[in-house]
Amino acid sequence: MTIEARRPPLQLAAGFRRIVGGGASWSGLLLQLALLVAVVWLIYVMAGNVRANLQAQGIASGFGFLERSAGFAVS
């Protein structure tokens, strides 16, 4: 009976380090740039959607309510 050596488990930290910084190639940098653009675009779309929905429902966002009185006595 022979015993075969198993492959070592994936080194996720080493792979991530290679993609992010150490020894990164142009393809890794382009992948990071594409991911950054996608995240910025997603935040932009979500912010526009939130703004439109709040405006459609007549909800004001912000801290302007702190300057108004409560309308009831606070002991």
Protein backbone atom coordinates (compact mmCIF):
# COMPACT_ATOMS: atom_id res chain seq x y z
CA MET A 1 0.00 0.00 0.00
CA THR A 2 1.38 3.38 -0.99
CA ILE A 3 0.67 6.64 0.70
CA GLU A 4 0.24 9.64 -1.53
CA ALA A 5 1.09 13.06 -0.26
CA ARG A 6 -1.89 15.39 -0.25
CA ARG A 7 -1.65 18.84 -1.69
CA PRO A 8 -1.32 21.55 0.94
CA PRO A 9 -4.50 23.50 1.68
CA LEU A 10 -5.12 26.76 -0.10
CA GLN A 11 -3.31 29.65 1.47
CA LEU A 12 -6.02 32.30 1.22
CA ALA A 13 -3.96 34.94 3.00
CA ALA A 14 -1.02 34.37 0.66
CA GLY A 15 -3.26 34.54 -2.41
CA PHE A 16 -4.92 37.72 -1.17
CA ARG A 17 -1.53 39.27 -0.39
CA ARG A 18 -0.34 38.42 -3.90
CA ILE A 19 -3.42 40.01 -5.49
CA VAL A 20 -3.40 43.11 -3.30
CA GLY A 21 0.23 43.98 -3.11
CA GLY A 22 3.16 41.62 -3.12
CA GLY A 23 4.14 40.74 -6.65
CA ALA A 24 0.95 42.09 -8.20
CA SER A 25 0.82 42.06 -11.95
CA TRP A 26 -1.05 44.38 -14.28
CA SER A 27 -4.01 42.03 -14.37
CA GLY A 28 -4.28 42.19 -10.58
CA LEU A 29 -4.15 45.97 -10.61
CA LEU A 30 -6.79 46.14 -13.36
CA LEU A 31 -8.99 43.80 -11.34
CA GLN A 32 -8.67 46.07 -8.30
CA LEU A 33 -9.48 49.14 -10.38
CA ALA A 34 -12.54 47.44 -11.88
CA LEU A 35 -13.74 46.44 -8.42
CA LEU A 36 -13.23 49.97 -7.11
CA VAL A 37 -15.19 51.45 -10.03
CA ALA A 38 -18.01 48.94 -9.46
CA VAL A 39 -18.23 49.76 -5.74
CA VAL A 40 -18.23 53.53 -6.34
CA TRP A 41 -20.93 53.13 -9.02
CA LEU A 42 -23.05 50.97 -6.70
CA ILE A 43 -22.83 53.56 -3.90
CA TYR A 44 -23.76 56.32 -6.36
CA VAL A 45 -26.81 54.41 -7.62
CA MET A 46 -27.94 53.54 -4.09
CA ALA A 47 -27.59 57.14 -2.89
CA GLY A 48 -29.63 58.40 -5.85
CA ASN A 49 -32.32 55.82 -5.19
CA VAL A 50 -32.52 56.74 -1.49
CA ARG A 51 -32.70 60.45 -2.30
CA ALA A 52 -35.49 59.95 -4.88
CA ASN A 53 -37.53 57.73 -2.56
CA LEU A 54 -37.21 60.10 0.40
CA GLN A 55 -38.20 63.05 -1.77
CA ALA A 56 -41.20 61.16 -3.23
CA GLN A 57 -42.48 60.38 0.26
CA GLY A 58 -41.81 63.87 1.59
CA ILE A 59 -39.31 62.71 4.20
CA ALA A 60 -36.61 65.21 5.11
CA SER A 61 -33.27 63.81 6.14
CA GLY A 62 -30.78 65.55 8.36
CA PHE A 63 -30.60 66.96 11.87
CA GLY A 64 -32.97 69.93 11.45
CA PHE A 65 -35.43 68.32 13.86
CA LEU A 66 -33.03 69.05 16.74
CA GLU A 67 -33.78 72.79 16.52
CA ARG A 68 -37.57 72.38 16.90
CA SER A 69 -39.38 72.07 20.21
CA ALA A 70 -40.79 68.70 21.16
CA GLY A 71 -44.39 69.87 21.53
CA PHE A 72 -44.71 68.31 24.97
CA ALA A 73 -43.16 68.98 28.35
CA VAL A 74 -39.97 67.15 29.16
CA SER A 75 -39.41 66.84 32.89
